[in-house]
Amino acid sequence: MMTGAIAAVLITDSIYGWIELHGSYTPGDPLDGGWTLYYVPLGAAALHPSMKTVSDATGTRVKVTRARILGISVAALIAPVVEMLKSSAQGNSDAIIIGGVTILMFGLVVVRRIGLAKAEETAAKRESVLRESVLRTASEARLGALVQHLSDVILPLASDTAVEYATPSVRQVLGYRRCGVHRPAIRG
């Protein structure tokens, strides 16, 4: 739908431009229907159910690298530099000052954007660590609850073969109290 809308407006604008060059356009011509063909599919696309997911975050994040910043900077500064060069050839100092201030302001924006990107990366790392910590804590709590209510006996041994822990089910299965299991070391 979006492609059809864009195609309709491009074709209509091209025909309109040609007609205007030849001076034969009058409002209300059938050409005006081309702009209507633009608005109808555009509105239908906006109402489509898939538009709910357009603003959802994607899984991949674009990393701000030096090459990206350099490429954007070169593209953005072409126009001011060209204008400054043309003005310096003509001796127009106002345009040179305006171009210089534009370049300075753009430099400040780039520096700020780099700072924001670093802050965002730091926040993302911190969020990842916190999320892992919460998941680990929840997993440990589930494991602890499972071990406490387990009907089997679990007896982890230390390096000297002493029992480090006994599950509460040791009394039902072996007939020992939990504290009695800890005292004697198993000798092999």
Protein backbone atom coordinates (compact mmCIF):
# COMPACT_ATOMS: atom_id res chain seq x y z
CA MET A 1 0.00 0.00 0.00
CA MET A 2 2.79 2.40 0.88
CA THR A 3 4.59 1.65 -2.38
CA GLY A 4 1.41 2.30 -4.34
CA ALA A 5 0.85 5.60 -2.51
CA ILE A 6 4.42 6.76 -3.14
CA ALA A 7 4.22 5.73 -6.79
CA ALA A 8 0.93 7.63 -7.20
CA VAL A 9 2.32 10.85 -5.76
CA LEU A 10 5.56 10.62 -7.77
CA ILE A 11 3.73 10.04 -11.03
CA THR A 12 1.16 12.76 -10.29
CA ASP A 13 3.84 15.27 -9.30
CA SER A 14 5.86 14.48 -12.42
CA ILE A 15 2.86 15.02 -14.68
CA TYR A 16 1.94 18.18 -12.74
CA GLY A 17 5.47 19.55 -13.18
CA TRP A 18 5.40 18.89 -16.91
CA ILE A 19 1.96 20.52 -17.26
CA GLU A 20 3.09 23.55 -15.21
CA LEU A 21 6.13 24.00 -17.45
CA HIS A 22 3.83 24.22 -20.44
CA GLY A 23 1.33 26.47 -18.61
CA SER A 24 -1.77 24.37 -19.16
CA TYR A 25 -2.72 23.30 -15.61
CA THR A 26 -6.02 24.41 -14.12
CA PRO A 27 -7.31 23.35 -10.70
CA GLY A 28 -9.96 20.64 -10.85
CA ASP A 29 -8.30 18.76 -13.72
CA PRO A 30 -8.47 14.96 -13.64
CA LEU A 31 -4.83 15.14 -12.51
CA ASP A 32 -6.06 16.05 -9.02
CA GLY A 33 -7.33 12.47 -8.74
CA GLY A 34 -3.69 11.33 -8.65
CA TRP A 35 -3.21 13.05 -5.32
CA THR A 36 -6.37 11.35 -4.06
CA LEU A 37 -4.82 8.05 -5.13
CA TYR A 38 -1.93 8.99 -2.86
CA TYR A 39 -3.97 9.73 0.25
CA VAL A 40 -6.28 6.68 0.09
CA PRO A 41 -3.59 3.95 0.24
CA LEU A 42 -1.55 6.02 2.69
CA GLY A 43 -4.54 6.19 5.06
CA ALA A 44 -5.29 2.50 4.54
CA ALA A 45 -1.69 1.63 5.38
CA ALA A 46 -1.88 3.71 8.56
CA LEU A 47 -4.99 1.79 9.63
CA HIS A 48 -3.52 -1.64 8.85
CA PRO A 49 -3.15 -3.90 11.96
CA SER A 50 0.57 -4.37 11.32
CA MET A 51 1.15 -0.67 12.13
CA LYS A 52 0.96 -1.58 15.85
CA THR A 53 4.43 -3.10 15.63
CA VAL A 54 6.10 -0.28 13.68
CA SER A 55 7.32 1.50 16.80
CA ASP A 56 8.47 -1.66 18.60
CA ALA A 57 12.18 -1.87 19.30
CA THR A 58 14.20 -4.24 17.19
CA GLY A 59 16.65 -6.73 18.59
CA THR A 60 19.71 -5.21 16.96
CA ARG A 61 21.13 -1.87 17.94
CA VAL A 62 23.24 0.20 15.60
CA LYS A 63 26.57 0.90 17.21
CA VAL A 64 27.94 4.41 16.86
CA THR A 65 31.44 4.00 15.44
CA ARG A 66 34.04 6.55 14.36
CA ALA A 67 33.47 5.63 10.71
CA ARG A 68 29.73 6.31 10.98
CA ILE A 69 30.29 9.65 12.68
CA LEU A 70 32.91 10.62 10.11
CA GLY A 71 30.61 9.67 7.21
CA ILE A 72 27.68 11.65 8.63
CA SER A 73 29.94 14.61 9.37
CA VAL A 74 31.37 14.71 5.84
CA ALA A 75 27.89 14.48 4.31
CA ALA A 76 26.47 17.20 6.56
CA LEU A 77 29.39 19.60 6.14
CA ILE A 78 29.61 19.51 2.33
CA ALA A 79 27.09 22.33 1.83
CA PRO A 80 28.60 24.79 4.36
CA VAL A 81 32.13 24.18 3.09
CA VAL A 82 31.07 24.69 -0.55
CA GLU A 83 29.27 27.92 0.37
CA MET A 84 32.30 29.15 2.32
CA LEU A 85 34.59 28.44 -0.65
CA LYS A 86 32.26 30.24 -3.06
CA SER A 87 31.94 33.20 -0.68
CA SER A 88 35.68 33.46 -0.08
CA ALA A 89 36.24 33.64 -3.85
CA GLN A 90 33.71 36.50 -4.04
CA GLY A 91 35.04 38.21 -0.91
CA ASN A 92 31.74 37.87 1.02
CA SER A 93 32.77 37.75 4.69
CA ASP A 94 29.21 37.30 6.02
CA ALA A 95 28.79 33.91 4.35
CA ILE A 96 32.23 32.82 5.59
CA ILE A 97 31.29 33.69 9.18
CA ILE A 98 27.90 31.95 8.86
CA GLY A 99 29.59 28.85 7.39
CA GLY A 100 32.20 28.82 10.16
CA VAL A 101 29.54 29.10 12.87
CA THR A 102 27.53 26.34 11.17
CA ILE A 103 30.56 24.04 11.20
CA LEU A 104 31.25 24.90 14.86
CA MET A 105 27.64 24.19 15.87
CA PHE A 106 27.67 20.92 13.98
CA GLY A 107 30.89 19.95 15.77
CA LEU A 108 29.23 20.61 19.12
CA VAL A 109 26.24 18.47 18.12
CA VAL A 110 28.55 15.61 17.10
CA VAL A 111 30.42 15.80 20.42
CA ARG A 112 27.11 15.71 22.30
CA ARG A 113 25.90 12.76 20.23
CA ILE A 114 29.08 10.82 21.01
CA GLY A 115 28.52 11.48 24.72
CA LEU A 116 24.91 10.30 24.47
CA ALA A 117 25.97 7.15 22.60
CA LYS A 118 28.54 6.30 25.29
CA ALA A 119 25.96 6.89 28.03
CA GLU A 120 23.48 4.67 26.19
CA GLU A 121 26.05 1.88 25.85
CA THR A 122 26.88 2.14 29.57
CA ALA A 123 23.19 2.01 30.48
CA ALA A 124 22.65 -1.00 28.20
CA LYS A 125 25.56 -2.86 29.81
CA ARG A 126 24.29 -2.01 33.29
CA GLU A 127 20.78 -3.18 32.34
CA SER A 128 22.18 -6.44 30.97
CA VAL A 129 24.13 -7.11 34.19
CA LEU A 130 21.08 -6.34 36.34
CA ARG A 131 18.85 -8.54 34.20
CA GLU A 132 21.32 -11.43 34.49
CA SER A 133 21.54 -10.91 38.25
CA VAL A 134 17.76 -10.97 38.64
CA LEU A 135 17.48 -14.10 36.50
CA ARG A 136 20.27 -15.78 38.45
CA THR A 137 18.64 -14.88 41.78
CA ALA A 138 15.26 -16.19 40.59
CA SER A 139 16.89 -19.41 39.34
CA GLU A 140 18.71 -19.88 42.65
CA ALA A 141 15.46 -19.34 44.58
CA ARG A 142 13.66 -21.93 42.44
CA LEU A 143 16.53 -24.39 42.90
CA GLY A 144 16.53 -23.80 46.67
CA ALA A 145 12.77 -24.41 46.88
CA LEU A 146 13.14 -27.55 44.77
CA VAL A 147 15.91 -28.92 47.00
CA GLN A 148 13.96 -28.13 50.21
CA HIS A 149 10.89 -30.03 49.00
CA LEU A 150 12.70 -32.86 47.22
CA SER A 151 11.87 -36.43 48.33
CA ASP A 152 15.37 -37.67 47.41
CA VAL A 153 18.42 -37.25 49.63
CA ILE A 154 21.21 -34.98 48.46
CA LEU A 155 24.47 -35.03 50.43
CA PRO A 156 27.21 -32.83 48.92
CA LEU A 157 30.62 -33.72 50.35
CA ALA A 158 33.58 -31.48 51.12
CA SER A 159 37.08 -32.38 49.96
CA ASP A 160 37.71 -34.13 53.32
CA THR A 161 34.52 -36.21 52.76
CA ALA A 162 32.56 -34.36 55.44
CA VAL A 163 28.92 -33.77 54.58
CA GLU A 164 28.41 -30.09 53.76
CA TYR A 165 24.63 -30.18 53.42
CA ALA A 166 21.77 -32.63 53.74
CA THR A 167 18.32 -32.19 52.27
CA PRO A 168 15.37 -32.17 54.72
CA SER A 169 14.24 -35.53 53.32
CA VAL A 170 17.20 -37.29 55.01
CA ARG A 171 14.98 -38.02 58.06
CA GLN A 172 12.23 -39.71 56.01
CA VAL A 173 14.60 -41.69 53.80
CA LEU A 174 17.53 -42.57 56.12
CA GLY A 175 16.01 -41.96 59.57
CA TYR A 176 18.71 -39.41 60.59
CA ARG A 177 18.21 -35.86 61.74
CA ARG A 178 19.84 -33.34 59.42
CA CYS A 179 22.27 -32.12 62.09
CA GLY A 180 23.37 -35.68 62.79
CA VAL A 181 24.44 -36.15 59.22
CA HIS A 182 26.81 -33.17 59.33
CA ARG A 183 28.96 -34.32 62.25
CA PRO A 184 30.65 -37.55 61.24
CA ALA A 185 32.79 -37.57 58.11
CA ILE A 186 32.41 -40.52 55.77
CA ARG A 187 35.65 -42.47 55.65
CA GLY A 188 36.52 -44.63 52.70
